[in-house]
């Protein structure tokens, strides 16, 4: 369950693997290659700490760049809306306080070159 991708999965084998909950829970993904022989300098805590910090930084950069934009999709700008048409009811001054909004009815529209009002 924690291996299900939460970002889009690329078909390109050279791309990074998709983010999963395991990346967040374990601060690492599945190993890309099997572990090789260990060297003495790999056993030092300082080096390991730097590696963990590097992996965590990579995760958060990808989280911000790939996952958060999916959660904050702006439907207002992506989906076309209906144009105003004669007979529609509108607010004349939207900066006025509530309960004192002046209402008006559209009598005529003047569309631009693309047909938008």
PDB file of N, CA and C in Angstrom:
ATOM      1  N   UNK A   1       0.816  -1.187   0.000  1.00  0.00           N
ATOM      2  CA  UNK A   1       0.000   0.000   0.000  1.00  0.00           C
ATOM      3  C   UNK A   1       0.866   1.258   0.000  1.00  0.00           C
ATOM      4  N   UNK A   2       1.968   1.237   0.711  1.00  0.00           N
ATOM      5  CA  UNK A   2       2.828   2.408   0.766  1.00  0.00           C
ATOM      6  C   UNK A   2       3.720   2.546  -0.455  1.00  0.00           C
ATOM      7  N   UNK A   3       3.623   1.603  -1.390  1.00  0.00           N
ATOM      8  CA  UNK A   3       4.401   1.700  -2.622  1.00  0.00           C
ATOM      9  C   UNK A   3       3.593   2.267  -3.780  1.00  0.00           C
ATOM     10  N   UNK A   4       2.327   2.630  -3.539  1.00  0.00           N
ATOM     11  CA  UNK A   4       1.526   3.220  -4.607  1.00  0.00           C
ATOM     12  C   UNK A   4       2.048   4.617  -4.901  1.00  0.00           C
ATOM     13  N   UNK A   5       2.231   4.971  -6.157  1.00  0.00           N
ATOM     14  CA  UNK A   5       2.750   6.307  -6.482  1.00  0.00           C
ATOM     15  C   UNK A   5       1.725   7.394  -6.177  1.00  0.00           C
ATOM     16  N   UNK A   6       2.222   8.535  -5.668  1.00  0.00           N
ATOM     17  CA  UNK A   6       1.354   9.682  -5.419  1.00  0.00           C
ATOM     18  C   UNK A   6       1.645  10.803  -6.409  1.00  0.00           C
ATOM     19  N   UNK A   7       2.614  10.609  -7.283  1.00  0.00           N
ATOM     20  CA  UNK A   7       2.869  11.539  -8.382  1.00  0.00           C
ATOM     21  C   UNK A   7       2.759  10.756  -9.678  1.00  0.00           C
ATOM     22  N   UNK A   8       2.810  11.477 -10.777  1.00  0.00           N
ATOM     23  CA  UNK A   8       2.657  10.800 -12.063  1.00  0.00           C
ATOM     24  C   UNK A   8       3.844   9.876 -12.336  1.00  0.00           C
ATOM     25  N   UNK A   9       3.546   8.752 -12.968  1.00  0.00           N
ATOM     26  CA  UNK A   9       4.563   7.752 -13.286  1.00  0.00           C
ATOM     27  C   UNK A   9       5.001   7.974 -14.727  1.00  0.00           C
ATOM     28  N   UNK A  10       6.292   8.128 -14.926  1.00  0.00           N
ATOM     29  CA  UNK A  10       6.829   8.361 -16.258  1.00  0.00           C
ATOM     30  C   UNK A  10       7.131   7.037 -16.946  1.00  0.00           C
ATOM     31  N   UNK A  11       6.963   7.020 -18.262  1.00  0.00           N
ATOM     32  CA  UNK A  11       7.302   5.814 -19.016  1.00  0.00           C
ATOM     33  C   UNK A  11       8.772   5.819 -19.437  1.00  0.00           C
ATOM     34  N   UNK A  12       9.472   6.927 -19.198  1.00  0.00           N
ATOM     35  CA  UNK A  12      10.886   7.029 -19.547  1.00  0.00           C
ATOM     36  C   UNK A  12      11.716   6.324 -18.474  1.00  0.00           C
ATOM     37  N   UNK A  13      12.518   5.317 -18.843  1.00  0.00           N
ATOM     38  CA  UNK A  13      13.306   4.599 -17.830  1.00  0.00           C
ATOM     39  C   UNK A  13      14.396   5.455 -17.186  1.00  0.00           C
ATOM     40  N   UNK A  14      14.757   6.583 -17.797  1.00  0.00           N
ATOM     41  CA  UNK A  14      15.799   7.439 -17.237  1.00  0.00           C
ATOM     42  C   UNK A  14      15.265   8.417 -16.195  1.00  0.00           C
ATOM     43  N   UNK A  15      13.930   8.564 -16.090  1.00  0.00           N
ATOM     44  CA  UNK A  15      13.345   9.463 -15.096  1.00  0.00           C
ATOM     45  C   UNK A  15      13.446   8.854 -13.703  1.00  0.00           C
ATOM     46  N   UNK A  16      13.305   9.706 -12.701  1.00  0.00           N
ATOM     47  CA  UNK A  16      13.278   9.231 -11.319  1.00  0.00           C
ATOM     48  C   UNK A  16      11.997   8.454 -11.085  1.00  0.00           C
ATOM     49  N   UNK A  17      12.021   7.539 -10.114  1.00  0.00           N
ATOM     50  CA  UNK A  17      10.802   6.792  -9.812  1.00  0.00           C
ATOM     51  C   UNK A  17       9.791   7.727  -9.162  1.00  0.00           C
ATOM     52  N   UNK A  18       8.513   7.403  -9.294  1.00  0.00           N
ATOM     53  CA  UNK A  18       7.442   8.232  -8.748  1.00  0.00           C
ATOM     54  C   UNK A  18       7.496   8.233  -7.221  1.00  0.00           C
ATOM     55  N   UNK A  19       7.123   9.363  -6.612  1.00  0.00           N
ATOM     56  CA  UNK A  19       7.112   9.453  -5.150  1.00  0.00           C
ATOM     57  C   UNK A  19       6.021   8.552  -4.576  1.00  0.00           C
ATOM     58  N   UNK A  20       6.342   7.883  -3.476  1.00  0.00           N
ATOM     59  CA  UNK A  20       5.398   7.005  -2.788  1.00  0.00           C
ATOM     60  C   UNK A  20       5.400   7.359  -1.302  1.00  0.00           C
ATOM     61  N   UNK A  21       4.403   6.911  -0.533  1.00  0.00           N
ATOM     62  CA  UNK A  21       4.435   7.148   0.914  1.00  0.00           C
ATOM     63  C   UNK A  21       5.677   6.556   1.589  1.00  0.00           C
ATOM     64  N   UNK A  22       6.246   5.485   1.012  1.00  0.00           N
ATOM     65  CA  UNK A  22       7.469   4.907   1.584  1.00  0.00           C
ATOM     66  C   UNK A  22       8.631   5.894   1.569  1.00  0.00           C
ATOM     67  N   UNK A  23       8.681   6.747   0.544  1.00  0.00           N
ATOM     68  CA  UNK A  23       9.745   7.747   0.516  1.00  0.00           C
ATOM     69  C   UNK A  23       9.666   8.637   1.753  1.00  0.00           C
ATOM     70  N   UNK A  24       8.456   8.977   2.161  1.00  0.00           N
ATOM     71  CA  UNK A  24       8.276   9.830   3.329  1.00  0.00           C
ATOM     72  C   UNK A  24       8.497   9.058   4.627  1.00  0.00           C
ATOM     73  N   UNK A  25       7.975   7.848   4.696  1.00  0.00           N
ATOM     74  CA  UNK A  25       8.064   7.069   5.930  1.00  0.00           C
ATOM     75  C   UNK A  25       9.478   6.599   6.228  1.00  0.00           C
ATOM     76  N   UNK A  26      10.204   6.182   5.206  1.00  0.00           N
ATOM     77  CA  UNK A  26      11.530   5.608   5.418  1.00  0.00           C
ATOM     78  C   UNK A  26      12.657   6.547   5.011  1.00  0.00           C
ATOM     79  N   UNK A  27      12.318   7.713   4.493  1.00  0.00           N
ATOM     80  CA  UNK A  27      13.286   8.680   3.974  1.00  0.00           C
ATOM     81  C   UNK A  27      14.162   8.039   2.901  1.00  0.00           C
ATOM     82  N   UNK A  28      13.626   7.079   2.207  1.00  0.00           N
ATOM     83  CA  UNK A  28      14.338   6.467   1.090  1.00  0.00           C
ATOM     84  C   UNK A  28      13.330   5.690   0.255  1.00  0.00           C
ATOM     85  N   UNK A  29      13.714   5.374  -0.951  1.00  0.00           N
ATOM     86  CA  UNK A  29      12.859   4.569  -1.812  1.00  0.00           C
ATOM     87  C   UNK A  29      13.381   3.152  -1.873  1.00  0.00           C
ATOM     88  N   UNK A  30      12.879   2.398  -2.827  1.00  0.00           N
ATOM     89  CA  UNK A  30      13.412   1.053  -3.033  1.00  0.00           C
ATOM     90  C   UNK A  30      14.841   1.185  -3.550  1.00  0.00           C
ATOM     91  N   UNK A  31      15.727   0.319  -3.165  1.00  0.00           N
ATOM     92  CA  UNK A  31      17.090   0.433  -3.683  1.00  0.00           C
ATOM     93  C   UNK A  31      17.108   0.218  -5.192  1.00  0.00           C
ATOM     94  N   UNK A  32      17.805   1.087  -5.884  1.00  0.00           N
ATOM     95  CA  UNK A  32      17.886   0.998  -7.332  1.00  0.00           C
ATOM     96  C   UNK A  32      18.798  -0.153  -7.737  1.00  0.00           C
ATOM     97  N   UNK A  33      19.852  -0.353  -6.984  1.00  0.00           N
ATOM     98  CA  UNK A  33      20.774  -1.451  -7.271  1.00  0.00           C
ATOM     99  C   UNK A  33      21.122  -2.148  -5.955  1.00  0.00           C
ATOM    100  N   UNK A  34      21.504  -3.397  -5.994  1.00  0.00           N
ATOM    101  CA  UNK A  34      21.836  -4.093  -4.747  1.00  0.00           C
ATOM    102  C   UNK A  34      23.054  -3.459  -4.086  1.00  0.00           C
ATOM    103  N   UNK A  35      23.106  -3.517  -2.745  1.00  0.00           N
ATOM    104  CA  UNK A  35      24.253  -2.918  -2.066  1.00  0.00           C
ATOM    105  C   UNK A  35      25.542  -3.651  -2.418  1.00  0.00           C
ATOM    106  N   UNK A  36      26.582  -2.875  -2.596  1.00  0.00           N
ATOM    107  CA  UNK A  36      27.876  -3.447  -2.957  1.00  0.00           C
ATOM    108  C   UNK A  36      28.724  -3.670  -1.724  1.00  0.00           C
ATOM    109  N   UNK A  37      29.995  -3.929  -1.905  1.00  0.00           N
ATOM    110  CA  UNK A  37      30.884  -4.121  -0.756  1.00  0.00           C
ATOM    111  C   UNK A  37      31.047  -2.805   0.014  1.00  0.00           C
ATOM    112  N   UNK A  38      31.103  -2.912   1.330  1.00  0.00           N
ATOM    113  CA  UNK A  38      31.244  -1.726   2.163  1.00  0.00           C
ATOM    114  C   UNK A  38      32.719  -1.411   2.361  1.00  0.00           C
ATOM    115  N   UNK A  39      33.008  -0.127   2.331  1.00  0.00           N
ATOM    116  CA  UNK A  39      34.365   0.328   2.616  1.00  0.00           C
ATOM    117  C   UNK A  39      34.398   0.878   4.040  1.00  0.00           C
ATOM    118  N   UNK A  40      35.578   0.965   4.589  1.00  0.00           N
ATOM    119  CA  UNK A  40      35.709   1.424   5.967  1.00  0.00           C
ATOM    120  C   UNK A  40      35.209   2.857   6.129  1.00  0.00           C
ATOM    121  N   UNK A  41      35.477   3.718   5.136  1.00  0.00           N
ATOM    122  CA  UNK A  41      35.049   5.116   5.270  1.00  0.00           C
ATOM    123  C   UNK A  41      33.527   5.282   5.173  1.00  0.00           C
ATOM    124  N   UNK A  42      32.814   4.263   4.651  1.00  0.00           N
ATOM    125  CA  UNK A  42      31.351   4.317   4.593  1.00  0.00           C
ATOM    126  C   UNK A  42      30.714   4.087   5.958  1.00  0.00           C
ATOM    127  N   UNK A  43      31.448   3.577   6.888  1.00  0.00           N
ATOM    128  CA  UNK A  43      30.882   3.231   8.179  1.00  0.00           C
ATOM    129  C   UNK A  43      30.838   4.405   9.152  1.00  0.00           C
ATOM    130  N   UNK A  44      31.451   5.502   8.804  1.00  0.00           N
ATOM    131  CA  UNK A  44      31.484   6.638   9.717  1.00  0.00           C
ATOM    132  C   UNK A  44      30.129   7.330   9.758  1.00  0.00           C
ATOM    133  N   UNK A  45      29.745   7.738  10.950  1.00  0.00           N
ATOM    134  CA  UNK A  45      28.423   8.351  11.170  1.00  0.00           C
ATOM    135  C   UNK A  45      28.263   9.668  10.424  1.00  0.00           C
ATOM    136  N   UNK A  46      29.323  10.451  10.348  1.00  0.00           N
ATOM    137  CA  UNK A  46      29.224  11.754   9.698  1.00  0.00           C
ATOM    138  C   UNK A  46      28.851  11.594   8.226  1.00  0.00           C
ATOM    139  N   UNK A  47      29.463  10.647   7.568  1.00  0.00           N
ATOM    140  CA  UNK A  47      29.167  10.411   6.153  1.00  0.00           C
ATOM    141  C   UNK A  47      27.727   9.920   5.989  1.00  0.00           C
ATOM    142  N   UNK A  48      27.308   9.023   6.855  1.00  0.00           N
ATOM    143  CA  UNK A  48      25.939   8.499   6.797  1.00  0.00           C
ATOM    144  C   UNK A  48      24.936   9.627   7.034  1.00  0.00           C
ATOM    145  N   UNK A  49      25.231  10.492   7.998  1.00  0.00           N
ATOM    146  CA  UNK A  49      24.351  11.618   8.291  1.00  0.00           C
ATOM    147  C   UNK A  49      24.208  12.520   7.067  1.00  0.00           C
ATOM    148  N   UNK A  50      25.317  12.780   6.384  1.00  0.00           N
ATOM    149  CA  UNK A  50      25.260  13.612   5.179  1.00  0.00           C
ATOM    150  C   UNK A  50      24.430  12.935   4.087  1.00  0.00           C
ATOM    151  N   UNK A  51      24.563  11.629   3.965  1.00  0.00           N
ATOM    152  CA  UNK A  51      23.777  10.907   2.962  1.00  0.00           C
ATOM    153  C   UNK A  51      22.285  10.987   3.271  1.00  0.00           C
ATOM    154  N   UNK A  52      21.930  10.800   4.525  1.00  0.00           N
ATOM    155  CA  UNK A  52      20.518  10.870   4.922  1.00  0.00           C
ATOM    156  C   UNK A  52      19.973  12.274   4.682  1.00  0.00           C
ATOM    157  N   UNK A  53      20.752  13.291   5.018  1.00  0.00           N
ATOM    158  CA  UNK A  53      20.302  14.665   4.789  1.00  0.00           C
ATOM    159  C   UNK A  53      20.136  14.949   3.299  1.00  0.00           C
ATOM    160  N   UNK A  54      21.035  14.433   2.494  1.00  0.00           N
ATOM    161  CA  UNK A  54      20.947  14.623   1.047  1.00  0.00           C
ATOM    162  C   UNK A  54      19.684  13.960   0.493  1.00  0.00           C
ATOM    163  N   UNK A  55      19.405  12.736   0.933  1.00  0.00           N
ATOM    164  CA  UNK A  55      18.202  12.026   0.472  1.00  0.00           C
ATOM    165  C   UNK A  55      16.944  12.759   0.930  1.00  0.00           C
ATOM    166  N   UNK A  56      16.939  13.251   2.163  1.00  0.00           N
ATOM    167  CA  UNK A  56      15.781  13.999   2.665  1.00  0.00           C
ATOM    168  C   UNK A  56      15.575  15.282   1.868  1.00  0.00           C
ATOM    169  N   UNK A  57      16.662  15.984   1.550  1.00  0.00           N
ATOM    170  CA  UNK A  57      16.549  17.200   0.738  1.00  0.00           C
ATOM    171  C   UNK A  57      15.995  16.889  -0.644  1.00  0.00           C
ATOM    172  N   UNK A  58      16.471  15.799  -1.247  1.00  0.00           N
ATOM    173  CA  UNK A  58      15.946  15.407  -2.559  1.00  0.00           C
ATOM    174  C   UNK A  58      14.455  15.113  -2.486  1.00  0.00           C
ATOM    175  N   UNK A  59      14.051  14.400  -1.435  1.00  0.00           N
ATOM    176  CA  UNK A  59      12.634  14.075  -1.287  1.00  0.00           C
ATOM    177  C   UNK A  59      11.802  15.339  -1.196  1.00  0.00           C
ATOM    178  N   UNK A  60      12.181  16.286  -0.331  1.00  0.00           N
ATOM    179  CA  UNK A  60      11.363  17.481  -0.138  1.00  0.00           C
ATOM    180  C   UNK A  60      11.355  18.364  -1.370  1.00  0.00           C
ATOM    181  N   UNK A  61      12.456  18.408  -2.106  1.00  0.00           N
ATOM    182  CA  UNK A  61      12.451  19.179  -3.355  1.00  0.00           C
ATOM    183  C   UNK A  61      11.475  18.572  -4.351  1.00  0.00           C
ATOM    184  N   UNK A  62      11.497  17.249  -4.468  1.00  0.00           N
ATOM    185  CA  UNK A  62      10.559  16.586  -5.378  1.00  0.00           C
ATOM    186  C   UNK A  62       9.132  16.729  -4.884  1.00  0.00           C
ATOM    187  N   UNK A  63       8.913  16.653  -3.567  1.00  0.00           N
ATOM    188  CA  UNK A  63       7.576  16.798  -2.986  1.00  0.00           C
ATOM    189  C   UNK A  63       6.989  18.166  -3.372  1.00  0.00           C
ATOM    190  N   UNK A  64       7.799  19.201  -3.202  1.00  0.00           N
ATOM    191  CA  UNK A  64       7.332  20.555  -3.505  1.00  0.00           C
ATOM    192  C   UNK A  64       7.121  20.735  -5.003  1.00  0.00           C
ATOM    193  N   UNK A  65       8.022  20.199  -5.807  1.00  0.00           N
ATOM    194  CA  UNK A  65       7.959  20.407  -7.253  1.00  0.00           C
ATOM    195  C   UNK A  65       6.916  19.521  -7.935  1.00  0.00           C
ATOM    196  N   UNK A  66       6.703  18.282  -7.473  1.00  0.00           N
ATOM    197  CA  UNK A  66       5.843  17.337  -8.179  1.00  0.00           C
ATOM    198  C   UNK A  66       4.492  17.101  -7.516  1.00  0.00           C
ATOM    199  N   UNK A  67       4.449  16.959  -6.193  1.00  0.00           N
ATOM    200  CA  UNK A  67       3.206  16.548  -5.540  1.00  0.00           C
ATOM    201  C   UNK A  67       2.306  17.725  -5.181  1.00  0.00           C
ATOM    202  N   UNK A  68       2.864  18.760  -4.583  1.00  0.00           N
ATOM    203  CA  UNK A  68       2.029  19.877  -4.155  1.00  0.00           C
ATOM    204  C   UNK A  68       1.277  20.550  -5.299  1.00  0.00           C
ATOM    205  N   UNK A  69       1.887  20.734  -6.469  1.00  0.00           N
ATOM    206  CA  UNK A  69       1.089  21.321  -7.556  1.00  0.00           C
ATOM    207  C   UNK A  69      -0.122  20.479  -7.939  1.00  0.00           C
ATOM    208  N   UNK A  70      -0.063  19.165  -7.748  1.00  0.00           N
ATOM    209  CA  UNK A  70      -1.231  18.329  -8.033  1.00  0.00           C
ATOM    210  C   UNK A  70      -2.355  18.611  -7.047  1.00  0.00           C
ATOM    211  N   UNK A  71      -2.000  18.941  -5.807  1.00  0.00           N
ATOM    212  CA  UNK A  71      -3.006  19.201  -4.789  1.00  0.00           C
ATOM    213  C   UNK A  71      -3.608  20.600  -4.913  1.00  0.00           C
ATOM    214  N   UNK A  72      -2.909  21.500  -5.586  1.00  0.00           N
ATOM    215  CA  UNK A  72      -3.352  22.888  -5.676  1.00  0.00           C
ATOM    216  C   UNK A  72      -3.728  23.269  -7.101  1.00  0.00           C
ATOM    217  N   UNK A  73      -4.319  22.349  -7.824  1.00  0.00           N
ATOM    218  CA  UNK A  73      -4.689  22.644  -9.202  1.00  0.00           C
ATOM    219  C   UNK A  73      -5.729  23.752  -9.221  1.00  0.00           C
ATOM    220  N   UNK A  74      -5.523  24.717 -10.077  1.00  0.00           N
ATOM    221  CA  UNK A  74      -6.404  25.875 -10.170  1.00  0.00           C
ATOM    222  C   UNK A  74      -7.448  25.646 -11.255  1.00  0.00           C
ATOM    223  N   UNK A  75      -8.607  25.126 -10.855  1.00  0.00           N
ATOM    224  CA  UNK A  75      -9.673  24.866 -11.820  1.00  0.00           C
ATOM    225  C   UNK A  75     -10.206  26.144 -12.442  1.00  0.00           C
ATOM    226  N   UNK A  76     -10.106  27.240 -11.705  1.00  0.00           N
ATOM    227  CA  UNK A  76     -10.608  28.519 -12.201  1.00  0.00           C
ATOM    228  C   UNK A  76      -9.931  28.885 -13.517  1.00  0.00           C
ATOM    229  N   UNK A  77      -8.645  28.587 -13.662  1.00  0.00           N
ATOM    230  CA  UNK A  77      -7.908  28.981 -14.847  1.00  0.00           C
ATOM    231  C   UNK A  77      -7.835  27.875 -15.891  1.00  0.00           C
ATOM    232  N   UNK A  78      -8.128  26.656 -15.516  1.00  0.00           N
ATOM    233  CA  UNK A  78      -7.983  25.539 -16.445  1.00  0.00           C
ATOM    234  C   UNK A  78      -9.278  25.147 -17.136  1.00  0.00           C
ATOM    235  N   UNK A  79     -10.410  25.443 -16.531  1.00  0.00           N
ATOM    236  CA  UNK A  79     -11.692  25.058 -17.117  1.00  0.00           C
ATOM    237  C   UNK A  79     -12.394  26.285 -17.685  1.00  0.00           C
ATOM    238  N   UNK A  80     -12.847  26.214 -18.925  1.00  0.00           N
ATOM    239  CA  UNK A  80     -13.539  27.377 -19.507  1.00  0.00           C
ATOM    240  C   UNK A  80     -14.864  27.633 -18.791  1.00  0.00           C
ATOM    241  N   UNK A  81     -15.200  28.893 -18.637  1.00  0.00           N
ATOM    242  CA  UNK A  81     -16.441  29.307 -17.982  1.00  0.00           C
ATOM    243  C   UNK A  81     -17.383  29.918 -19.017  1.00  0.00           C
ATOM    244  N   UNK A  82     -18.651  29.935 -18.678  1.00  0.00           N
ATOM    245  CA  UNK A  82     -19.665  30.515 -19.551  1.00  0.00           C
ATOM    246  C   UNK A  82     -19.498  32.034 -19.572  1.00  0.00           C
ATOM    247  N   UNK A  83     -19.636  32.637 -20.758  1.00  0.00           N
ATOM    248  CA  UNK A  83     -19.579  34.091 -20.891  1.00  0.00           C
ATOM    249  C   UNK A  83     -20.826  34.723 -20.288  1.00  0.00           C
ATOM    250  N   UNK A  84     -20.703  35.993 -19.916  1.00  0.00           N
ATOM    251  CA  UNK A  84     -21.887  36.737 -19.502  1.00  0.00           C
ATOM    252  C   UNK A  84     -22.805  36.885 -20.705  1.00  0.00           C
ATOM    253  N   UNK A  85     -24.080  36.904 -20.441  1.00  0.00           N
ATOM    254  CA  UNK A  85     -25.047  37.100 -21.527  1.00  0.00           C
ATOM    255  C   UNK A  85     -26.142  38.045 -21.036  1.00  0.00           C
ATOM    256  N   UNK A  86     -26.839  38.696 -21.956  1.00  0.00           N
ATOM    257  CA  UNK A  86     -27.919  39.607 -21.545  1.00  0.00           C
ATOM    258  C   UNK A  86     -28.930  38.882 -20.661  1.00  0.00           C
ATOM    259  N   UNK A  87     -29.301  39.556 -19.576  1.00  0.00           N
ATOM    260  CA  UNK A  87     -30.244  38.984 -18.622  1.00  0.00           C
ATOM    261  C   UNK A  87     -29.577  38.427 -17.374  1.00  0.00           C
ATOM    262  N   UNK A  88     -28.246  38.268 -17.378  1.00  0.00           N
ATOM    263  CA  UNK A  88     -27.539  37.757 -16.198  1.00  0.00           C
ATOM    264  C   UNK A  88     -27.542  38.795 -15.081  1.00  0.00           C
ATOM    265  N   UNK A  89     -27.637  38.334 -13.845  1.00  0.00           N
ATOM    266  CA  UNK A  89     -27.613  39.193 -12.666  1.00  0.00           C
ATOM    267  C   UNK A  89     -26.169  39.274 -12.170  1.00  0.00           C
ATOM    268  N   UNK A  90     -25.677  40.497 -11.897  1.00  0.00           N
ATOM    269  CA  UNK A  90     -24.285  40.696 -11.484  1.00  0.00           C
ATOM    270  C   UNK A  90     -24.220  41.643 -10.291  1.00  0.00           C
ATOM    271  N   UNK A  91     -23.095  41.610  -9.584  1.00  0.00           N
ATOM    272  CA  UNK A  91     -22.823  42.561  -8.502  1.00  0.00           C
ATOM    273  C   UNK A  91     -22.087  43.737  -9.119  1.00  0.00           C
ATOM    274  N   UNK A  92     -22.577  44.959  -8.875  1.00  0.00           N
ATOM    275  CA  UNK A  92     -21.992  46.147  -9.489  1.00  0.00           C
ATOM    276  C   UNK A  92     -20.677  46.510  -8.819  1.00  0.00           C
ATOM    277  N   UNK A  93     -20.624  46.515  -7.487  1.00  0.00           N
ATOM    278  CA  UNK A  93     -19.413  46.880  -6.752  1.00  0.00           C
ATOM    279  C   UNK A  93     -19.085  45.755  -5.781  1.00  0.00           C
ATOM    280  N   UNK A  94     -18.113  44.907  -6.137  1.00  0.00           N
ATOM    281  CA  UNK A  94     -17.798  43.761  -5.282  1.00  0.00           C
ATOM    282  C   UNK A  94     -16.933  44.126  -4.079  1.00  0.00           C
ATOM    283  N   UNK A  95     -16.527  45.406  -3.962  1.00  0.00           N
ATOM    284  CA  UNK A  95     -15.748  45.827  -2.795  1.00  0.00           C
ATOM    285  C   UNK A  95     -16.642  46.364  -1.684  1.00  0.00           C
ATOM    286  N   UNK A  96     -17.928  46.502  -1.934  1.00  0.00           N
ATOM    287  CA  UNK A  96     -18.868  47.004  -0.921  1.00  0.00           C
ATOM    288  C   UNK A  96     -19.046  45.948   0.170  1.00  0.00           C
ATOM    289  N   UNK A  97     -19.401  46.388   1.399  1.00  0.00           N
ATOM    290  CA  UNK A  97     -19.622  45.410   2.466  1.00  0.00           C
ATOM    291  C   UNK A  97     -20.825  44.518   2.166  1.00  0.00           C
ATOM    292  N   UNK A  98     -20.820  43.347   2.794  1.00  0.00           N
ATOM    293  CA  UNK A  98     -21.933  42.416   2.602  1.00  0.00           C
ATOM    294  C   UNK A  98     -23.258  43.063   2.973  1.00  0.00           C
ATOM    295  N   UNK A  99     -24.308  42.594   2.343  1.00  0.00           N
ATOM    296  CA  UNK A  99     -25.679  43.083   2.540  1.00  0.00           C
ATOM    297  C   UNK A  99     -25.895  44.490   2.011  1.00  0.00           C
ATOM    298  N   UNK A 100     -24.889  45.089   1.400  1.00  0.00           N
ATOM    299  CA  UNK A 100     -25.096  46.391   0.763  1.00  0.00           C
ATOM    300  C   UNK A 100     -24.594  46.356  -0.680  1.00  0.00           C
ATOM    301  N   UNK A 101     -24.563  45.170  -1.265  1.00  0.00           N
ATOM    302  CA  UNK A 101     -24.128  45.027  -2.647  1.00  0.00           C
ATOM    303  C   UNK A 101     -25.197  45.563  -3.587  1.00  0.00           C
ATOM    304  N   UNK A 102     -24.773  46.361  -4.539  1.00  0.00           N
ATOM    305  CA  UNK A 102     -25.681  46.825  -5.582  1.00  0.00           C
ATOM    306  C   UNK A 102     -25.731  45.762  -6.669  1.00  0.00           C
ATOM    307  N   UNK A 103     -26.929  45.377  -7.052  1.00  0.00           N
ATOM    308  CA  UNK A 103     -27.113  44.347  -8.073  1.00  0.00           C
ATOM    309  C   UNK A 103     -27.511  45.019  -9.381  1.00  0.00           C
ATOM    310  N   UNK A 104     -27.141  44.400 -10.476  1.00  0.00           N
ATOM    311  CA  UNK A 104     -27.510  44.902 -11.795  1.00  0.00           C
ATOM    312  C   UNK A 104     -27.800  43.752 -12.735  1.00  0.00           C
ATOM    313  N   UNK A 105     -28.457  44.059 -13.835  1.00  0.00           N
ATOM    314  CA  UNK A 105     -28.770  43.055 -14.846  1.00  0.00           C
ATOM    315  C   UNK A 105     -28.094  43.481 -16.149  1.00  0.00           C
ATOM    316  N   UNK A 106     -27.427  42.541 -16.815  1.00  0.00           N
ATOM    317  CA  UNK A 106     -26.727  42.831 -18.066  1.00  0.00           C
ATOM    318  C   UNK A 106     -27.763  43.025 -19.173  1.00  0.00           C
ATOM    319  N   UNK A 107     -27.628  44.165 -19.883  1.00  0.00           N
ATOM    320  CA  UNK A 107     -28.532  44.458 -20.993  1.00  0.00           C
ATOM    321  C   UNK A 107     -27.899  44.097 -22.330  1.00  0.00           C
ATOM    322  N   UNK A 108     -26.579  44.360 -22.459  1.00  0.00           N
ATOM    323  CA  UNK A 108     -25.898  44.137 -23.732  1.00  0.00           C
ATOM    324  C   UNK A 108     -24.448  43.744 -23.448  1.00  0.00           C
ATOM    325  N   UNK A 109     -23.895  42.852 -24.247  1.00  0.00           N
ATOM    326  CA  UNK A 109     -22.491  42.448 -24.089  1.00  0.00           C
ATOM    327  C   UNK A 109     -21.701  42.849 -25.320  1.00  0.00           C
ATOM    328  N   UNK A 110     -20.413  43.117 -25.109  1.00  0.00           N
ATOM    329  CA  UNK A 110     -19.504  43.467 -26.199  1.00  0.00           C
ATOM    330  C   UNK A 110     -18.330  42.492 -26.170  1.00  0.00           C
ATOM    331  N   UNK A 111     -18.405  41.383 -26.905  1.00  0.00           N
ATOM    332  CA  UNK A 111     -17.306  40.407 -26.883  1.00  0.00           C
ATOM    333  C   UNK A 111     -16.066  40.930 -27.602  1.00  0.00           C
ATOM    334  N   UNK A 112     -14.893  40.412 -27.182  1.00  0.00           N
ATOM    335  CA  UNK A 112     -13.640  40.792 -27.836  1.00  0.00           C
ATOM    336  C   UNK A 112     -13.433  39.939 -29.087  1.00  0.00           C
ATOM    337  N   UNK A 113     -12.228  40.000 -29.667  1.00  0.00           N
ATOM    338  CA  UNK A 113     -11.945  39.277 -30.915  1.00  0.00           C
ATOM    339  C   UNK A 113     -12.055  37.761 -30.743  1.00  0.00           C
ATOM    340  N   UNK A 114     -11.774  37.252 -29.528  1.00  0.00           N
ATOM    341  CA  UNK A 114     -11.862  35.813 -29.277  1.00  0.00           C
ATOM    342  C   UNK A 114     -13.267  35.375 -28.882  1.00  0.00           C
ATOM    343  N   UNK A 115     -14.167  36.330 -28.713  1.00  0.00           N
ATOM    344  CA  UNK A 115     -15.538  36.001 -28.345  1.00  0.00           C
ATOM    345  C   UNK A 115     -15.794  36.021 -26.853  1.00  0.00           C
ATOM    346  N   UNK A 116     -14.793  36.447 -26.058  1.00  0.00           N
ATOM    347  CA  UNK A 116     -14.961  36.525 -24.606  1.00  0.00           C
ATOM    348  C   UNK A 116     -15.515  37.882 -24.212  1.00  0.00           C
ATOM    349  N   UNK A 117     -16.346  37.882 -23.170  1.00  0.00           N
ATOM    350  CA  UNK A 117     -16.917  39.140 -22.672  1.00  0.00           C
ATOM    351  C   UNK A 117     -16.027  39.668 -21.575  1.00  0.00           C
TER     352      UNK A 117
END
